N, C-alpha and C. Protein backbone atom coordinates (compact mmCIF):
# COMPACT_ATOMS: atom_id res chain seq x y z
N MET A 1 20.37 9.24 -14.08
CA MET A 1 19.29 9.49 -13.09
C MET A 1 18.01 8.79 -13.56
N SER A 2 17.24 8.25 -12.55
CA SER A 2 15.81 7.33 -12.93
C SER A 2 15.02 8.19 -12.91
N THR A 3 13.99 8.19 -13.84
CA THR A 3 12.77 8.91 -13.58
C THR A 3 11.61 8.05 -12.94
N LEU A 4 10.58 8.56 -12.80
CA LEU A 4 9.36 7.84 -12.21
C LEU A 4 8.83 6.52 -13.33
N ALA A 5 8.97 6.86 -14.56
CA ALA A 5 8.75 5.84 -15.29
C ALA A 5 9.80 4.84 -15.42
N ASP A 6 10.83 4.95 -15.07
CA ASP A 6 11.93 3.75 -15.03
C ASP A 6 11.58 2.93 -13.81
N ARG A 7 11.04 3.30 -12.82
CA ARG A 7 10.86 2.60 -11.57
C ARG A 7 9.98 1.42 -11.65
N PRO A 8 10.26 0.12 -11.21
CA PRO A 8 9.15 -0.76 -11.10
C PRO A 8 7.78 -0.39 -10.86
N THR A 9 6.99 -0.92 -11.30
CA THR A 9 5.41 -1.18 -10.68
C THR A 9 4.86 -2.61 -10.53
N PRO A 10 4.06 -2.79 -9.90
CA PRO A 10 3.50 -4.28 -9.67
C PRO A 10 3.17 -4.82 -10.90
N SER A 11 2.99 -4.06 -11.99
CA SER A 11 2.39 -4.72 -13.10
C SER A 11 3.71 -5.43 -13.82
N ASN A 12 4.87 -4.82 -13.54
CA ASN A 12 6.09 -5.37 -14.19
C ASN A 12 7.18 -5.95 -13.52
N LEU A 13 6.88 -6.22 -11.99
CA LEU A 13 7.94 -7.17 -11.10
C LEU A 13 7.74 -8.43 -11.46
N PRO A 14 9.02 -9.04 -10.97
CA PRO A 14 8.93 -10.64 -11.01
C PRO A 14 8.08 -11.29 -10.28
N PRO A 15 7.68 -12.21 -10.48
CA PRO A 15 6.55 -13.10 -9.63
C PRO A 15 7.24 -13.02 -8.21
N ALA A 16 8.54 -13.39 -7.86
CA ALA A 16 8.95 -13.54 -6.53
C ALA A 16 8.95 -11.96 -5.79
N ALA A 17 9.26 -11.18 -6.60
CA ALA A 17 9.08 -9.70 -5.78
C ALA A 17 7.68 -9.63 -5.55
N LEU A 18 6.86 -10.07 -6.33
CA LEU A 18 5.16 -9.61 -5.99
C LEU A 18 4.81 -10.61 -4.97
N ARG A 19 5.23 -11.88 -4.43
CA ARG A 19 5.03 -12.56 -3.25
C ARG A 19 5.67 -11.68 -2.32
N ALA A 20 6.93 -11.33 -2.64
CA ALA A 20 7.45 -10.70 -1.13
C ALA A 20 6.99 -9.42 -0.82
N MET A 21 6.26 -8.58 -1.89
CA MET A 21 5.44 -7.52 -1.45
C MET A 21 4.24 -7.96 -0.80
N ARG A 22 3.45 -8.84 -1.33
CA ARG A 22 2.28 -9.40 -0.60
C ARG A 22 2.46 -10.08 0.89
N SER A 23 3.44 -10.74 1.02
CA SER A 23 4.00 -10.95 2.28
C SER A 23 4.26 -10.05 3.46
N LEU A 24 4.88 -8.95 2.84
CA LEU A 24 5.21 -7.81 3.56
C LEU A 24 3.94 -7.14 3.94
N GLU A 25 2.95 -6.85 2.94
CA GLU A 25 1.95 -6.08 3.15
C GLU A 25 1.14 -6.72 4.12
N LEU A 26 0.80 -8.14 4.22
CA LEU A 26 0.22 -9.04 4.74
C LEU A 26 0.68 -8.81 6.56
N ARG A 27 2.22 -9.03 6.66
CA ARG A 27 2.47 -8.71 7.92
C ARG A 27 2.63 -7.28 8.44
N LEU A 28 2.33 -6.42 7.59
CA LEU A 28 2.08 -5.05 8.20
C LEU A 28 0.71 -4.70 8.41
N THR A 29 -0.29 -5.45 7.89
CA THR A 29 -1.85 -5.22 7.93
C THR A 29 -2.51 -6.05 8.86
N PHE A 30 -2.19 -7.40 9.14
CA PHE A 30 -3.00 -8.15 9.85
C PHE A 30 -2.22 -8.82 11.13
N PRO A 31 -3.10 -9.36 12.09
CA PRO A 31 -2.60 -10.14 13.18
C PRO A 31 -1.52 -11.44 12.64
N PRO A 32 -0.45 -11.58 13.66
CA PRO A 32 0.10 -12.69 13.20
C PRO A 32 -0.62 -14.25 12.95
N GLN A 33 -1.57 -14.11 13.65
CA GLN A 33 -2.26 -15.40 13.40
C GLN A 33 -2.95 -15.53 12.02
N VAL A 34 -3.33 -14.39 11.56
CA VAL A 34 -3.84 -14.43 10.28
C VAL A 34 -2.81 -14.73 9.22
N VAL A 35 -1.72 -13.85 9.38
CA VAL A 35 -0.69 -13.98 8.59
C VAL A 35 -0.25 -15.53 8.55
N GLU A 36 -0.11 -16.01 9.63
CA GLU A 36 0.23 -17.67 9.49
C GLU A 36 -0.43 -18.51 9.12
N ALA A 37 -1.84 -18.31 9.02
CA ALA A 37 -2.93 -19.19 8.37
C ALA A 37 -3.09 -18.88 6.92
N VAL A 38 -2.71 -17.65 6.51
CA VAL A 38 -2.54 -17.44 4.99
C VAL A 38 -1.18 -18.43 4.55
N ALA A 39 -0.13 -18.24 5.26
CA ALA A 39 1.13 -18.98 4.74
C ALA A 39 1.09 -20.28 4.66
N ARG A 40 0.27 -21.22 5.97
CA ARG A 40 -0.25 -22.39 6.17
C ARG A 40 -0.91 -22.93 4.80
N TYR A 41 -1.89 -22.06 4.65
CA TYR A 41 -3.09 -22.34 3.57
C TYR A 41 -2.32 -22.67 2.19
N GLU A 42 -1.52 -21.35 1.98
CA GLU A 42 -0.91 -21.64 0.40
C GLU A 42 0.05 -22.54 0.44
N ALA A 43 0.84 -22.85 1.35
CA ALA A 43 1.89 -23.84 1.33
C ALA A 43 0.95 -25.30 1.14
N ALA A 44 0.03 -25.69 2.01
CA ALA A 44 -0.80 -26.74 1.97
C ALA A 44 -1.58 -26.71 0.56
N ALA A 45 -1.97 -25.93 0.23
CA ALA A 45 -2.43 -25.82 -1.36
C ALA A 45 -1.74 -26.21 -2.28
N VAL A 46 -0.36 -25.75 -2.27
CA VAL A 46 0.72 -25.91 -3.57
C VAL A 46 0.84 -27.40 -3.21
N HIS A 47 1.27 -28.13 -2.09
CA HIS A 47 1.34 -29.55 -1.92
C HIS A 47 0.30 -30.38 -2.34
N ALA A 48 -1.13 -29.78 -2.04
CA ALA A 48 -2.34 -30.58 -2.16
C ALA A 48 -2.36 -30.71 -3.70
N ARG A 49 -2.30 -29.83 -4.49
CA ARG A 49 -2.24 -29.40 -5.94
C ARG A 49 -1.13 -30.53 -6.61
N ASP A 50 0.20 -30.45 -6.22
CA ASP A 50 1.21 -31.47 -6.52
C ASP A 50 0.53 -32.94 -6.48
N LEU A 51 0.17 -33.38 -5.22
CA LEU A 51 -0.21 -34.43 -5.18
C LEU A 51 -1.41 -34.94 -5.87
N ALA A 52 -2.22 -34.11 -6.23
CA ALA A 52 -3.52 -34.46 -6.76
C ALA A 52 -2.92 -34.68 -8.30
N ALA A 53 -2.03 -34.02 -8.73
CA ALA A 53 -1.44 -34.40 -10.11
C ALA A 53 -0.76 -36.09 -10.01
N VAL A 54 -0.19 -36.34 -8.91
CA VAL A 54 0.18 -37.76 -8.76
C VAL A 54 -0.96 -38.43 -8.89
N ALA A 55 -2.09 -38.46 -8.18
CA ALA A 55 -3.01 -38.89 -8.08
C ALA A 55 -3.72 -39.34 -9.45
N ALA A 56 -3.69 -37.99 -10.19
CA ALA A 56 -4.55 -38.12 -11.59
C ALA A 56 -3.71 -39.17 -12.37
N SER A 57 -2.49 -39.22 -12.23
CA SER A 57 -1.62 -39.99 -13.04
C SER A 57 -1.58 -41.64 -12.63
N GLY A 58 -2.14 -41.74 -11.65
CA GLY A 58 -2.40 -43.43 -11.16
C GLY A 58 -1.16 -43.86 -10.51
N ARG A 59 -0.18 -42.86 -9.80
CA ARG A 59 1.00 -43.35 -9.22
C ARG A 59 1.08 -43.11 -8.01
N MET A 60 -0.19 -42.97 -7.20
CA MET A 60 -0.45 -42.66 -5.86
C MET A 60 0.11 -43.68 -4.67
N SER A 61 0.91 -43.35 -4.08
CA SER A 61 1.35 -44.35 -2.93
C SER A 61 0.42 -44.08 -1.80
N ASP A 62 0.56 -45.03 -0.70
CA ASP A 62 -0.40 -44.76 0.48
C ASP A 62 0.26 -43.77 1.20
N LEU A 63 1.54 -43.49 1.12
CA LEU A 63 2.37 -42.40 1.66
C LEU A 63 1.83 -41.09 1.17
N ASP A 64 1.84 -40.95 -0.21
CA ASP A 64 1.20 -39.80 -1.05
C ASP A 64 -0.20 -39.42 -0.60
N ALA A 65 -0.91 -40.61 -0.49
CA ALA A 65 -2.52 -40.45 -0.06
C ALA A 65 -2.69 -39.90 1.43
N ASP A 66 -1.71 -39.99 2.23
CA ASP A 66 -1.65 -39.77 3.79
C ASP A 66 -1.32 -38.47 3.66
N SER A 67 -0.23 -37.92 2.76
CA SER A 67 0.15 -36.58 2.82
C SER A 67 -0.80 -35.69 2.10
N LEU A 68 -1.64 -36.29 0.87
CA LEU A 68 -2.71 -35.44 0.75
C LEU A 68 -3.89 -34.93 1.70
N ALA A 69 -4.22 -36.13 2.22
CA ALA A 69 -5.13 -35.89 3.27
C ALA A 69 -4.63 -35.03 4.32
N ALA A 70 -3.25 -34.96 4.73
CA ALA A 70 -2.90 -34.07 5.82
C ALA A 70 -2.73 -32.78 5.21
N ALA A 71 -2.73 -32.54 4.14
CA ALA A 71 -2.53 -31.16 3.51
C ALA A 71 -3.94 -30.55 3.25
N GLU A 72 -4.92 -31.54 2.83
CA GLU A 72 -6.42 -30.92 2.86
C GLU A 72 -6.98 -30.61 4.32
N ASP A 73 -6.20 -31.15 5.45
CA ASP A 73 -6.60 -30.90 6.81
C ASP A 73 -6.07 -29.37 7.18
N LEU A 74 -4.95 -29.40 6.81
CA LEU A 74 -4.14 -28.08 7.11
C LEU A 74 -4.79 -27.02 6.38
N MET A 75 -5.30 -27.28 5.43
CA MET A 75 -6.06 -25.92 4.43
C MET A 75 -7.34 -25.69 5.36
N ALA A 76 -8.08 -26.79 5.79
CA ALA A 76 -9.24 -26.88 6.28
C ALA A 76 -9.01 -26.01 7.58
N ASP A 77 -8.01 -26.37 8.48
CA ASP A 77 -7.84 -25.62 9.63
C ASP A 77 -7.37 -24.01 9.37
N ALA A 78 -6.44 -23.88 8.63
CA ALA A 78 -6.17 -22.50 8.05
C ALA A 78 -7.60 -21.77 7.48
N ARG A 79 -8.28 -22.43 6.79
CA ARG A 79 -9.52 -21.84 6.49
C ARG A 79 -10.46 -21.27 7.54
N ALA A 80 -10.51 -22.26 8.71
CA ALA A 80 -11.31 -22.25 9.59
C ALA A 80 -10.89 -20.85 10.51
N THR A 81 -9.48 -20.64 10.49
CA THR A 81 -8.79 -19.53 11.16
C THR A 81 -9.24 -18.18 10.46
N LEU A 82 -8.96 -18.33 9.67
CA LEU A 82 -9.33 -17.11 8.44
C LEU A 82 -10.63 -16.53 8.54
N ALA A 83 -11.59 -17.75 8.46
CA ALA A 83 -13.13 -17.36 8.58
C ALA A 83 -13.36 -16.78 9.97
N SER A 84 -12.99 -17.42 11.05
CA SER A 84 -13.23 -16.89 12.20
C SER A 84 -12.66 -15.14 12.43
N ALA A 85 -11.39 -14.92 11.50
CA ALA A 85 -11.05 -13.54 11.75
C ALA A 85 -11.61 -12.78 10.74
N GLY A 86 -12.51 -13.18 9.88
CA GLY A 86 -13.56 -12.66 8.77
C GLY A 86 -12.36 -12.23 7.46
N GLN A 87 -11.42 -13.13 7.38
CA GLN A 87 -10.46 -12.66 6.27
C GLN A 87 -10.46 -13.65 5.35
N LEU A 88 -11.24 -14.45 4.98
CA LEU A 88 -11.65 -15.26 3.96
C LEU A 88 -10.83 -15.00 2.50
N ARG A 89 -11.07 -13.61 2.35
CA ARG A 89 -10.85 -12.72 0.95
C ARG A 89 -9.38 -13.21 0.83
N LEU A 90 -8.65 -13.11 1.79
CA LEU A 90 -6.96 -13.50 1.64
C LEU A 90 -6.58 -14.66 0.97
N ILE A 91 -7.62 -15.62 0.88
CA ILE A 91 -7.15 -17.16 0.17
C ILE A 91 -8.33 -17.26 -0.93
N GLU A 92 -9.29 -16.42 -1.27
CA GLU A 92 -10.20 -16.83 -2.24
C GLU A 92 -9.59 -16.83 -3.33
N VAL A 93 -8.48 -15.99 -3.79
CA VAL A 93 -8.13 -16.13 -5.34
C VAL A 93 -7.30 -17.57 -5.28
N ALA A 94 -6.54 -18.01 -4.48
CA ALA A 94 -5.94 -19.33 -4.01
C ALA A 94 -6.70 -20.24 -4.14
N SER A 95 -7.98 -20.30 -3.68
CA SER A 95 -8.90 -21.41 -3.63
C SER A 95 -9.23 -21.95 -4.93
């Protein structure tokens, strides 16, 4: 029989489980357009970060540059959606 001490807590869960919990919390707490904006922002931020590393290496192609600009546009659009909903705090850690 497991005890309360044996149950996982947010501090000892794997990163994937923490992301799943955050996603579920967002979906239960906020309207769909806010949840979608957070997801778009986070995905675009990862893509932009990866492409910024390519740019820093000096190996950026024109296609990569266009993709980076598109990712930055997506981030700006999602940020505007969250700002109008008063929910910028949902991405401040990611910013």
